[in-house]
mmCIF file of all heavy atoms, coordinates in Angstrom:
data_MODEL
# 
_entry.id   MODEL 
# 
loop_
_atom_site.group_PDB 
_atom_site.id 
_atom_site.type_symbol 
_atom_site.label_atom_id 
_atom_site.label_alt_id 
_atom_site.label_comp_id 
_atom_site.label_asym_id 
_atom_site.label_entity_id 
_atom_site.label_seq_id 
_atom_site.pdbx_PDB_ins_code 
_atom_site.Cartn_x 
_atom_site.Cartn_y 
_atom_site.Cartn_z 
_atom_site.occupancy 
_atom_site.B_iso_or_equiv 
_atom_site.pdbx_formal_charge 
_atom_site.auth_seq_id 
_atom_site.auth_comp_id 
_atom_site.auth_asym_id 
_atom_site.auth_atom_id 
_atom_site.pdbx_PDB_model_num 
ATOM 1   N N   . LEU A 1 1  ? -37.521 -6.366  -76.244 1.00 0.00 ? 1  LEU A N   1 
ATOM 2   C CA  . LEU A 1 1  ? -36.238 -6.729  -76.126 1.00 0.00 ? 1  LEU A CA  1 
ATOM 3   C C   . LEU A 1 1  ? -35.366 -5.607  -75.376 1.00 0.00 ? 1  LEU A C   1 
ATOM 4   O O   . LEU A 1 1  ? -35.764 -4.528  -75.241 1.00 0.00 ? 1  LEU A O   1 
ATOM 5   C CB  . LEU A 1 1  ? -35.650 -6.955  -77.460 1.00 0.00 ? 1  LEU A CB  1 
ATOM 6   C CG  . LEU A 1 1  ? -36.288 -8.066  -78.315 1.00 0.00 ? 1  LEU A CG  1 
ATOM 7   C CD1 . LEU A 1 1  ? -35.659 -8.136  -79.729 1.00 0.00 ? 1  LEU A CD1 1 
ATOM 8   C CD2 . LEU A 1 1  ? -36.297 -9.322  -77.650 1.00 0.00 ? 1  LEU A CD2 1 
ATOM 9   N N   . MET A 1 2  ? -34.132 -5.989  -75.023 1.00 0.00 ? 2  MET A N   1 
ATOM 10  C CA  . MET A 1 2  ? -33.283 -5.007  -74.319 1.00 0.00 ? 2  MET A CA  1 
ATOM 11  C C   . MET A 1 2  ? -33.134 -3.711  -75.140 1.00 0.00 ? 2  MET A C   1 
ATOM 12  O O   . MET A 1 2  ? -32.952 -3.748  -76.423 1.00 0.00 ? 2  MET A O   1 
ATOM 13  C CB  . MET A 1 2  ? -31.904 -5.587  -74.111 1.00 0.00 ? 2  MET A CB  1 
ATOM 14  C CG  . MET A 1 2  ? -31.795 -6.732  -73.091 1.00 0.00 ? 2  MET A CG  1 
ATOM 15  S SD  . MET A 1 2  ? -30.074 -7.205  -72.839 1.00 0.00 ? 2  MET A SD  1 
ATOM 16  C CE  . MET A 1 2  ? -30.448 -8.991  -72.361 1.00 0.00 ? 2  MET A CE  1 
ATOM 17  N N   . ASN A 1 3  ? -33.134 -2.631  -74.510 1.00 0.00 ? 3  ASN A N   1 
ATOM 18  C CA  . ASN A 1 3  ? -32.994 -1.310  -74.978 1.00 0.00 ? 3  ASN A CA  1 
ATOM 19  C C   . ASN A 1 3  ? -34.169 -0.854  -75.988 1.00 0.00 ? 3  ASN A C   1 
ATOM 20  O O   . ASN A 1 3  ? -34.010 0.201   -76.624 1.00 0.00 ? 3  ASN A O   1 
ATOM 21  C CB  . ASN A 1 3  ? -31.650 -1.157  -75.730 1.00 0.00 ? 3  ASN A CB  1 
ATOM 22  C CG  . ASN A 1 3  ? -30.643 -0.672  -74.806 1.00 0.00 ? 3  ASN A CG  1 
ATOM 23  O OD1 . ASN A 1 3  ? -30.674 0.116   -73.964 1.00 0.00 ? 3  ASN A OD1 1 
ATOM 24  N ND2 . ASN A 1 3  ? -29.402 -1.360  -74.906 1.00 0.00 ? 3  ASN A ND2 1 
ATOM 25  N N   . GLU A 1 4  ? -35.247 -1.597  -76.053 1.00 0.00 ? 4  GLU A N   1 
ATOM 26  C CA  . GLU A 1 4  ? -36.361 -1.027  -76.872 1.00 0.00 ? 4  GLU A CA  1 
ATOM 27  C C   . GLU A 1 4  ? -37.218 -0.225  -76.078 1.00 0.00 ? 4  GLU A C   1 
ATOM 28  O O   . GLU A 1 4  ? -37.557 -0.426  -74.928 1.00 0.00 ? 4  GLU A O   1 
ATOM 29  C CB  . GLU A 1 4  ? -37.265 -2.319  -77.366 1.00 0.00 ? 4  GLU A CB  1 
ATOM 30  C CG  . GLU A 1 4  ? -36.613 -3.189  -78.462 1.00 0.00 ? 4  GLU A CG  1 
ATOM 31  C CD  . GLU A 1 4  ? -37.385 -4.133  -79.026 1.00 0.00 ? 4  GLU A CD  1 
ATOM 32  O OE1 . GLU A 1 4  ? -38.265 -4.812  -78.313 1.00 0.00 ? 4  GLU A OE1 1 
ATOM 33  O OE2 . GLU A 1 4  ? -37.295 -4.379  -80.237 1.00 0.00 ? 4  GLU A OE2 1 
ATOM 34  N N   . VAL A 1 5  ? -37.423 1.049   -76.572 1.00 0.00 ? 5  VAL A N   1 
ATOM 35  C CA  . VAL A 1 5  ? -38.153 2.050   -75.886 1.00 0.00 ? 5  VAL A CA  1 
ATOM 36  C C   . VAL A 1 5  ? -39.675 1.597   -76.047 1.00 0.00 ? 5  VAL A C   1 
ATOM 37  O O   . VAL A 1 5  ? -40.109 1.203   -77.140 1.00 0.00 ? 5  VAL A O   1 
ATOM 38  C CB  . VAL A 1 5  ? -38.100 3.406   -76.616 1.00 0.00 ? 5  VAL A CB  1 
ATOM 39  C CG1 . VAL A 1 5  ? -38.995 4.445   -75.906 1.00 0.00 ? 5  VAL A CG1 1 
ATOM 40  C CG2 . VAL A 1 5  ? -36.602 3.873   -76.416 1.00 0.00 ? 5  VAL A CG2 1 
ATOM 41  N N   . HIS A 1 6  ? -40.388 1.543   -74.905 1.00 0.00 ? 6  HIS A N   1 
ATOM 42  C CA  . HIS A 1 6  ? -41.811 1.052   -74.977 1.00 0.00 ? 6  HIS A CA  1 
ATOM 43  C C   . HIS A 1 6  ? -42.651 1.836   -73.929 1.00 0.00 ? 6  HIS A C   1 
ATOM 44  O O   . HIS A 1 6  ? -42.092 2.463   -72.962 1.00 0.00 ? 6  HIS A O   1 
ATOM 45  C CB  . HIS A 1 6  ? -41.790 -0.496  -74.563 1.00 0.00 ? 6  HIS A CB  1 
ATOM 46  C CG  . HIS A 1 6  ? -41.178 -0.825  -73.242 1.00 0.00 ? 6  HIS A CG  1 
ATOM 47  N ND1 . HIS A 1 6  ? -39.743 -0.798  -73.132 1.00 0.00 ? 6  HIS A ND1 1 
ATOM 48  C CD2 . HIS A 1 6  ? -41.635 -1.191  -72.137 1.00 0.00 ? 6  HIS A CD2 1 
ATOM 49  C CE1 . HIS A 1 6  ? -39.464 -1.254  -71.912 1.00 0.00 ? 6  HIS A CE1 1 
ATOM 50  N NE2 . HIS A 1 6  ? -40.676 -1.395  -71.189 1.00 0.00 ? 6  HIS A NE2 1 
ATOM 51  N N   . SER A 1 7  ? -43.958 1.656   -74.187 1.00 0.00 ? 7  SER A N   1 
ATOM 52  C CA  . SER A 1 7  ? -44.860 2.223   -73.314 1.00 0.00 ? 7  SER A CA  1 
ATOM 53  C C   . SER A 1 7  ? -46.234 1.592   -73.516 1.00 0.00 ? 7  SER A C   1 
ATOM 54  O O   . SER A 1 7  ? -46.500 1.109   -74.571 1.00 0.00 ? 7  SER A O   1 
ATOM 55  C CB  . SER A 1 7  ? -45.037 3.800   -73.461 1.00 0.00 ? 7  SER A CB  1 
ATOM 56  O OG  . SER A 1 7  ? -45.560 4.118   -74.708 1.00 0.00 ? 7  SER A OG  1 
ATOM 57  N N   . PHE A 1 8  ? -47.109 1.652   -72.611 1.00 0.00 ? 8  PHE A N   1 
ATOM 58  C CA  . PHE A 1 8  ? -48.513 1.137   -72.642 1.00 0.00 ? 8  PHE A CA  1 
ATOM 59  C C   . PHE A 1 8  ? -49.515 2.168   -72.231 1.00 0.00 ? 8  PHE A C   1 
ATOM 60  O O   . PHE A 1 8  ? -49.186 2.827   -71.267 1.00 0.00 ? 8  PHE A O   1 
ATOM 61  C CB  . PHE A 1 8  ? -48.548 -0.227  -71.831 1.00 0.00 ? 8  PHE A CB  1 
ATOM 62  C CG  . PHE A 1 8  ? -47.615 -1.253  -72.258 1.00 0.00 ? 8  PHE A CG  1 
ATOM 63  C CD1 . PHE A 1 8  ? -46.294 -1.333  -71.748 1.00 0.00 ? 8  PHE A CD1 1 
ATOM 64  C CD2 . PHE A 1 8  ? -48.009 -2.095  -73.301 1.00 0.00 ? 8  PHE A CD2 1 
ATOM 65  C CE1 . PHE A 1 8  ? -45.533 -2.256  -72.319 1.00 0.00 ? 8  PHE A CE1 1 
ATOM 66  C CE2 . PHE A 1 8  ? -47.142 -3.053  -73.807 1.00 0.00 ? 8  PHE A CE2 1 
ATOM 67  C CZ  . PHE A 1 8  ? -45.966 -3.131  -73.300 1.00 0.00 ? 8  PHE A CZ  1 
ATOM 68  N N   . LYS A 1 9  ? -50.650 2.326   -72.862 1.00 0.00 ? 9  LYS A N   1 
ATOM 69  C CA  . LYS A 1 9  ? -51.694 3.181   -72.582 1.00 0.00 ? 9  LYS A CA  1 
ATOM 70  C C   . LYS A 1 9  ? -52.920 2.483   -72.444 1.00 0.00 ? 9  LYS A C   1 
ATOM 71  O O   . LYS A 1 9  ? -53.235 1.709   -73.323 1.00 0.00 ? 9  LYS A O   1 
ATOM 72  C CB  . LYS A 1 9  ? -51.736 4.335   -73.583 1.00 0.00 ? 9  LYS A CB  1 
ATOM 73  C CG  . LYS A 1 9  ? -52.734 5.357   -73.299 1.00 0.00 ? 9  LYS A CG  1 
ATOM 74  C CD  . LYS A 1 9  ? -52.795 6.438   -74.301 1.00 0.00 ? 9  LYS A CD  1 
ATOM 75  C CE  . LYS A 1 9  ? -53.861 7.487   -73.978 1.00 0.00 ? 9  LYS A CE  1 
ATOM 76  N NZ  . LYS A 1 9  ? -53.985 8.585   -74.932 1.00 0.00 ? 9  LYS A NZ  1 
ATOM 77  N N   . ASN A 1 10 ? -53.759 2.839   -71.506 1.00 0.00 ? 10 ASN A N   1 
ATOM 78  C CA  . ASN A 1 10 ? -55.113 2.295   -71.314 1.00 0.00 ? 10 ASN A CA  1 
ATOM 79  C C   . ASN A 1 10 ? -56.041 3.249   -71.995 1.00 0.00 ? 10 ASN A C   1 
ATOM 80  O O   . ASN A 1 10 ? -56.324 4.335   -71.421 1.00 0.00 ? 10 ASN A O   1 
ATOM 81  C CB  . ASN A 1 10 ? -55.437 2.169   -69.886 1.00 0.00 ? 10 ASN A CB  1 
ATOM 82  C CG  . ASN A 1 10 ? -56.832 1.468   -69.723 1.00 0.00 ? 10 ASN A CG  1 
ATOM 83  O OD1 . ASN A 1 10 ? -57.557 1.361   -70.576 1.00 0.00 ? 10 ASN A OD1 1 
ATOM 84  N ND2 . ASN A 1 10 ? -57.158 0.968   -68.432 1.00 0.00 ? 10 ASN A ND2 1 
ATOM 85  N N   . ASN A 1 11 ? -56.600 2.852   -73.156 1.00 0.00 ? 11 ASN A N   1 
ATOM 86  C CA  . ASN A 1 11 ? -57.548 3.664   -73.689 1.00 0.00 ? 11 ASN A CA  1 
ATOM 87  C C   . ASN A 1 11 ? -59.025 2.895   -73.757 1.00 0.00 ? 11 ASN A C   1 
ATOM 88  O O   . ASN A 1 11 ? -59.915 3.160   -74.580 1.00 0.00 ? 11 ASN A O   1 
ATOM 89  C CB  . ASN A 1 11 ? -57.245 4.151   -75.222 1.00 0.00 ? 11 ASN A CB  1 
ATOM 90  C CG  . ASN A 1 11 ? -56.838 2.929   -76.062 1.00 0.00 ? 11 ASN A CG  1 
ATOM 91  O OD1 . ASN A 1 11 ? -57.011 1.747   -75.732 1.00 0.00 ? 11 ASN A OD1 1 
ATOM 92  N ND2 . ASN A 1 11 ? -56.169 3.177   -77.122 1.00 0.00 ? 11 ASN A ND2 1 
ATOM 93  N N   . GLY A 1 12 ? -59.090 1.971   -72.878 1.00 0.00 ? 12 GLY A N   1 
ATOM 94  C CA  . GLY A 1 12 ? -60.298 1.165   -72.649 1.00 0.00 ? 12 GLY A CA  1 
ATOM 95  C C   . GLY A 1 12 ? -61.163 1.785   -71.552 1.00 0.00 ? 12 GLY A C   1 
ATOM 96  O O   . GLY A 1 12 ? -60.989 2.782   -71.076 1.00 0.00 ? 12 GLY A O   1 
ATOM 97  N N   . THR A 1 13 ? -62.187 0.831   -71.171 1.00 0.00 ? 13 THR A N   1 
ATOM 98  C CA  . THR A 1 13 ? -63.120 1.363   -70.210 1.00 0.00 ? 13 THR A CA  1 
ATOM 99  C C   . THR A 1 13 ? -62.885 0.703   -68.851 1.00 0.00 ? 13 THR A C   1 
ATOM 100 O O   . THR A 1 13 ? -63.670 1.037   -67.812 1.00 0.00 ? 13 THR A O   1 
ATOM 101 C CB  . THR A 1 13 ? -64.561 1.042   -70.684 1.00 0.00 ? 13 THR A CB  1 
ATOM 102 O OG1 . THR A 1 13 ? -64.643 -0.326  -70.896 1.00 0.00 ? 13 THR A OG1 1 
ATOM 103 C CG2 . THR A 1 13 ? -64.916 1.832   -71.954 1.00 0.00 ? 13 THR A CG2 1 
ATOM 104 N N   . GLN A 1 14 ? -61.999 -0.115  -68.790 1.00 0.00 ? 14 GLN A N   1 
ATOM 105 C CA  . GLN A 1 14 ? -61.665 -0.870  -67.441 1.00 0.00 ? 14 GLN A CA  1 
ATOM 106 C C   . GLN A 1 14 ? -60.116 -0.880  -67.212 1.00 0.00 ? 14 GLN A C   1 
ATOM 107 O O   . GLN A 1 14 ? -59.384 -0.466  -68.161 1.00 0.00 ? 14 GLN A O   1 
ATOM 108 C CB  . GLN A 1 14 ? -62.266 -2.197  -67.443 1.00 0.00 ? 14 GLN A CB  1 
ATOM 109 C CG  . GLN A 1 14 ? -61.869 -3.081  -68.522 1.00 0.00 ? 14 GLN A CG  1 
ATOM 110 C CD  . GLN A 1 14 ? -62.623 -4.448  -68.569 1.00 0.00 ? 14 GLN A CD  1 
ATOM 111 O OE1 . GLN A 1 14 ? -62.875 -4.900  -67.442 1.00 0.00 ? 14 GLN A OE1 1 
ATOM 112 N NE2 . GLN A 1 14 ? -62.915 -5.027  -69.696 1.00 0.00 ? 14 GLN A NE2 1 
ATOM 113 N N   . ASP A 1 15 ? -59.741 -1.222  -66.113 1.00 0.00 ? 15 ASP A N   1 
ATOM 114 C CA  . ASP A 1 15 ? -58.282 -1.302  -65.907 1.00 0.00 ? 15 ASP A CA  1 
ATOM 115 C C   . ASP A 1 15 ? -57.523 -2.203  -66.844 1.00 0.00 ? 15 ASP A C   1 
ATOM 116 O O   . ASP A 1 15 ? -58.085 -3.210  -67.303 1.00 0.00 ? 15 ASP A O   1 
ATOM 117 C CB  . ASP A 1 15 ? -57.983 -1.833  -64.445 1.00 0.00 ? 15 ASP A CB  1 
ATOM 118 C CG  . ASP A 1 15 ? -58.212 -0.880  -63.321 1.00 0.00 ? 15 ASP A CG  1 
ATOM 119 O OD1 . ASP A 1 15 ? -58.537 0.293   -63.772 1.00 0.00 ? 15 ASP A OD1 1 
ATOM 120 O OD2 . ASP A 1 15 ? -58.149 -1.251  -62.171 1.00 0.00 ? 15 ASP A OD2 1 
ATOM 121 N N   . LEU A 1 16 ? -56.381 -1.833  -67.295 1.00 0.00 ? 16 LEU A N   1 
ATOM 122 C CA  . LEU A 1 16 ? -55.518 -2.594  -68.243 1.00 0.00 ? 16 LEU A CA  1 
ATOM 123 C C   . LEU A 1 16 ? -54.455 -3.183  -67.333 1.00 0.00 ? 16 LEU A C   1 
ATOM 124 O O   . LEU A 1 16 ? -53.721 -2.525  -66.711 1.00 0.00 ? 16 LEU A O   1 
ATOM 125 C CB  . LEU A 1 16 ? -54.809 -1.591  -69.363 1.00 0.00 ? 16 LEU A CB  1 
ATOM 126 C CG  . LEU A 1 16 ? -53.964 -2.388  -70.297 1.00 0.00 ? 16 LEU A CG  1 
ATOM 127 C CD1 . LEU A 1 16 ? -54.564 -3.442  -71.011 1.00 0.00 ? 16 LEU A CD1 1 
ATOM 128 C CD2 . LEU A 1 16 ? -53.311 -1.157  -71.164 1.00 0.00 ? 16 LEU A CD2 1 
ATOM 129 N N   . GLU A 1 17 ? -54.569 -4.521  -67.363 1.00 0.00 ? 17 GLU A N   1 
ATOM 130 C CA  . GLU A 1 17 ? -53.785 -5.211  -66.375 1.00 0.00 ? 17 GLU A CA  1 
ATOM 131 C C   . GLU A 1 17 ? -52.761 -6.238  -67.009 1.00 0.00 ? 17 GLU A C   1 
ATOM 132 O O   . GLU A 1 17 ? -53.146 -6.963  -67.989 1.00 0.00 ? 17 GLU A O   1 
ATOM 133 C CB  . GLU A 1 17 ? -54.700 -6.012  -65.346 1.00 0.00 ? 17 GLU A CB  1 
ATOM 134 C CG  . GLU A 1 17 ? -54.045 -6.758  -64.256 1.00 0.00 ? 17 GLU A CG  1 
ATOM 135 C CD  . GLU A 1 17 ? -55.217 -7.454  -63.464 1.00 0.00 ? 17 GLU A CD  1 
ATOM 136 O OE1 . GLU A 1 17 ? -56.385 -7.442  -63.817 1.00 0.00 ? 17 GLU A OE1 1 
ATOM 137 O OE2 . GLU A 1 17 ? -54.777 -8.000  -62.412 1.00 0.00 ? 17 GLU A OE2 1 
ATOM 138 N N   . PHE A 1 18 ? -51.541 -6.189  -66.605 1.00 0.00 ? 18 PHE A N   1 
ATOM 139 C CA  . PHE A 1 18 ? -50.546 -7.010  -67.150 1.00 0.00 ? 18 PHE A CA  1 
ATOM 140 C C   . PHE A 1 18 ? -49.820 -7.899  -66.138 1.00 0.00 ? 18 PHE A C   1 
ATOM 141 O O   . PHE A 1 18 ? -49.710 -7.550  -64.946 1.00 0.00 ? 18 PHE A O   1 
ATOM 142 C CB  . PHE A 1 18 ? -49.290 -6.152  -67.671 1.00 0.00 ? 18 PHE A CB  1 
ATOM 143 C CG  . PHE A 1 18 ? -49.738 -5.110  -68.833 1.00 0.00 ? 18 PHE A CG  1 
ATOM 144 C CD1 . PHE A 1 18 ? -50.071 -3.873  -68.560 1.00 0.00 ? 18 PHE A CD1 1 
ATOM 145 C CD2 . PHE A 1 18 ? -49.734 -5.546  -70.158 1.00 0.00 ? 18 PHE A CD2 1 
ATOM 146 C CE1 . PHE A 1 18 ? -50.422 -3.045  -69.469 1.00 0.00 ? 18 PHE A CE1 1 
ATOM 147 C CE2 . PHE A 1 18 ? -50.063 -4.715  -71.155 1.00 0.00 ? 18 PHE A CE2 1 
ATOM 148 C CZ  . PHE A 1 18 ? -50.364 -3.392  -70.948 1.00 0.00 ? 18 PHE A CZ  1 
ATOM 149 N N   . MET A 1 19 ? -49.376 -9.057  -66.597 1.00 0.00 ? 19 MET A N   1 
ATOM 150 C CA  . MET A 1 19 ? -48.422 -9.798  -65.932 1.00 0.00 ? 19 MET A CA  1 
ATOM 151 C C   . MET A 1 19 ? -47.063 -9.584  -66.729 1.00 0.00 ? 19 MET A C   1 
ATOM 152 O O   . MET A 1 19 ? -47.102 -9.815  -67.976 1.00 0.00 ? 19 MET A O   1 
ATOM 153 C CB  . MET A 1 19 ? -48.652 -11.296 -65.826 1.00 0.00 ? 19 MET A CB  1 
ATOM 154 C CG  . MET A 1 19 ? -47.588 -12.117 -65.258 1.00 0.00 ? 19 MET A CG  1 
ATOM 155 S SD  . MET A 1 19 ? -48.005 -13.877 -65.251 1.00 0.00 ? 19 MET A SD  1 
ATOM 156 C CE  . MET A 1 19 ? -48.192 -14.360 -66.898 1.00 0.00 ? 19 MET A CE  1 
ATOM 157 N N   . ILE A 1 20 ? -45.998 -9.210  -66.030 1.00 0.00 ? 20 ILE A N   1 
ATOM 158 C CA  . ILE A 1 20 ? -44.732 -8.917  -66.744 1.00 0.00 ? 20 ILE A CA  1 
ATOM 159 C C   . ILE A 1 20 ? -43.650 -9.958  -66.309 1.00 0.00 ? 20 ILE A C   1 
ATOM 160 O O   . ILE A 1 20 ? -43.437 -10.165 -65.173 1.00 0.00 ? 20 ILE A O   1 
ATOM 161 C CB  . ILE A 1 20 ? -44.293 -7.528  -66.459 1.00 0.00 ? 20 ILE A CB  1 
ATOM 162 C CG1 . ILE A 1 20 ? -45.299 -6.521  -66.659 1.00 0.00 ? 20 ILE A CG1 1 
ATOM 163 C CG2 . ILE A 1 20 ? -42.978 -7.184  -67.258 1.00 0.00 ? 20 ILE A CG2 1 
ATOM 164 C CD1 . ILE A 1 20 ? -44.990 -5.111  -66.122 1.00 0.00 ? 20 ILE A CD1 1 
ATOM 165 N N   . VAL A 1 21 ? -43.115 -10.626 -67.408 1.00 0.00 ? 21 VAL A N   1 
ATOM 166 C CA  . VAL A 1 21 ? -42.018 -11.628 -67.020 1.00 0.00 ? 21 VAL A CA  1 
ATOM 167 C C   . VAL A 1 21 ? -40.795 -11.010 -67.622 1.00 0.00 ? 21 VAL A C   1 
ATOM 168 O O   . VAL A 1 21 ? -40.679 -10.665 -68.861 1.00 0.00 ? 21 VAL A O   1 
ATOM 169 C CB  . VAL A 1 21 ? -42.293 -12.967 -67.645 1.00 0.00 ? 21 VAL A CB  1 
ATOM 170 C CG1 . VAL A 1 21 ? -41.136 -13.909 -67.463 1.00 0.00 ? 21 VAL A CG1 1 
ATOM 171 C CG2 . VAL A 1 21 ? -43.565 -13.562 -67.154 1.00 0.00 ? 21 VAL A CG2 1 
ATOM 172 N N   . GLY A 1 22 ? -39.822 -10.779 -66.746 1.00 0.00 ? 22 GLY A N   1 
ATOM 173 C CA  . GLY A 1 22 ? -38.595 -10.133 -67.233 1.00 0.00 ? 22 GLY A CA  1 
ATOM 174 C C   . GLY A 1 22 ? -37.316 -11.029 -66.956 1.00 0.00 ? 22 GLY A C   1 
ATOM 175 O O   . GLY A 1 22 ? -37.284 -11.817 -66.108 1.00 0.00 ? 22 GLY A O   1 
ATOM 176 N N   . VAL A 1 23 ? -36.433 -11.029 -67.940 1.00 0.00 ? 23 VAL A N   1 
ATOM 177 C CA  . VAL A 1 23 ? -35.224 -11.737 -67.930 1.00 0.00 ? 23 VAL A CA  1 
ATOM 178 C C   . VAL A 1 23 ? -34.072 -10.735 -67.977 1.00 0.00 ? 23 VAL A C   1 
ATOM 179 O O   . VAL A 1 23 ? -33.878 -10.077 -68.896 1.00 0.00 ? 23 VAL A O   1 
ATOM 180 C CB  . VAL A 1 23 ? -35.119 -12.816 -68.976 1.00 0.00 ? 23 VAL A CB  1 
ATOM 181 C CG1 . VAL A 1 23 ? -33.791 -13.553 -68.925 1.00 0.00 ? 23 VAL A CG1 1 
ATOM 182 C CG2 . VAL A 1 23 ? -36.212 -13.785 -68.918 1.00 0.00 ? 23 VAL A CG2 1 
ATOM 183 N N   . ALA A 1 24 ? -33.164 -10.754 -66.792 1.00 0.00 ? 24 ALA A N   1 
ATOM 184 C CA  . ALA A 1 24 ? -32.121 -9.785  -66.819 1.00 0.00 ? 24 ALA A CA  1 
ATOM 185 C C   . ALA A 1 24 ? -30.735 -10.427 -67.333 1.00 0.00 ? 24 ALA A C   1 
ATOM 186 O O   . ALA A 1 24 ? -30.639 -11.567 -67.101 1.00 0.00 ? 24 ALA A O   1 
ATOM 187 C CB  . ALA A 1 24 ? -31.915 -9.365  -65.382 1.00 0.00 ? 24 ALA A CB  1 
ATOM 188 N N   . SER A 1 25 ? -30.053 -9.570  -68.055 1.00 0.00 ? 25 SER A N   1 
ATOM 189 C CA  . SER A 1 25 ? -28.699 -10.121 -68.474 1.00 0.00 ? 25 SER A CA  1 
ATOM 190 C C   . SER A 1 25 ? -27.753 -10.273 -67.320 1.00 0.00 ? 25 SER A C   1 
ATOM 191 O O   . SER A 1 25 ? -26.775 -10.918 -67.547 1.00 0.00 ? 25 SER A O   1 
ATOM 192 C CB  . SER A 1 25 ? -28.191 -9.151  -69.613 1.00 0.00 ? 25 SER A CB  1 
ATOM 193 O OG  . SER A 1 25 ? -27.931 -7.855  -69.101 1.00 0.00 ? 25 SER A OG  1 
ATOM 194 N N   . GLN A 1 26 ? -27.995 -9.559  -66.243 1.00 0.00 ? 26 GLN A N   1 
ATOM 195 C CA  . GLN A 1 26 ? -27.127 -9.645  -65.081 1.00 0.00 ? 26 GLN A CA  1 
ATOM 196 C C   . GLN A 1 26 ? -28.028 -9.710  -63.813 1.00 0.00 ? 26 GLN A C   1 
ATOM 197 O O   . GLN A 1 26 ? -28.885 -8.929  -63.737 1.00 0.00 ? 26 GLN A O   1 
ATOM 198 C CB  . GLN A 1 26 ? -26.315 -8.339  -65.095 1.00 0.00 ? 26 GLN A CB  1 
ATOM 199 C CG  . GLN A 1 26 ? -25.270 -8.325  -63.980 1.00 0.00 ? 26 GLN A CG  1 
ATOM 200 C CD  . GLN A 1 26 ? -24.338 -7.123  -63.973 1.00 0.00 ? 26 GLN A CD  1 
ATOM 201 O OE1 . GLN A 1 26 ? -24.570 -6.233  -64.860 1.00 0.00 ? 26 GLN A OE1 1 
ATOM 202 N NE2 . GLN A 1 26 ? -23.571 -6.978  -62.978 1.00 0.00 ? 26 GLN A NE2 1 
# 
C-alpha cells in the first residue's frame, strides 16, 4: 500500500523475477 516501506531479497538459487502492477494516486 501507499507509504509502506518494502524490500525484496533473492535468497534462492535462481533469479527472483516479478511482474509489478502499480496504481498511482496522481
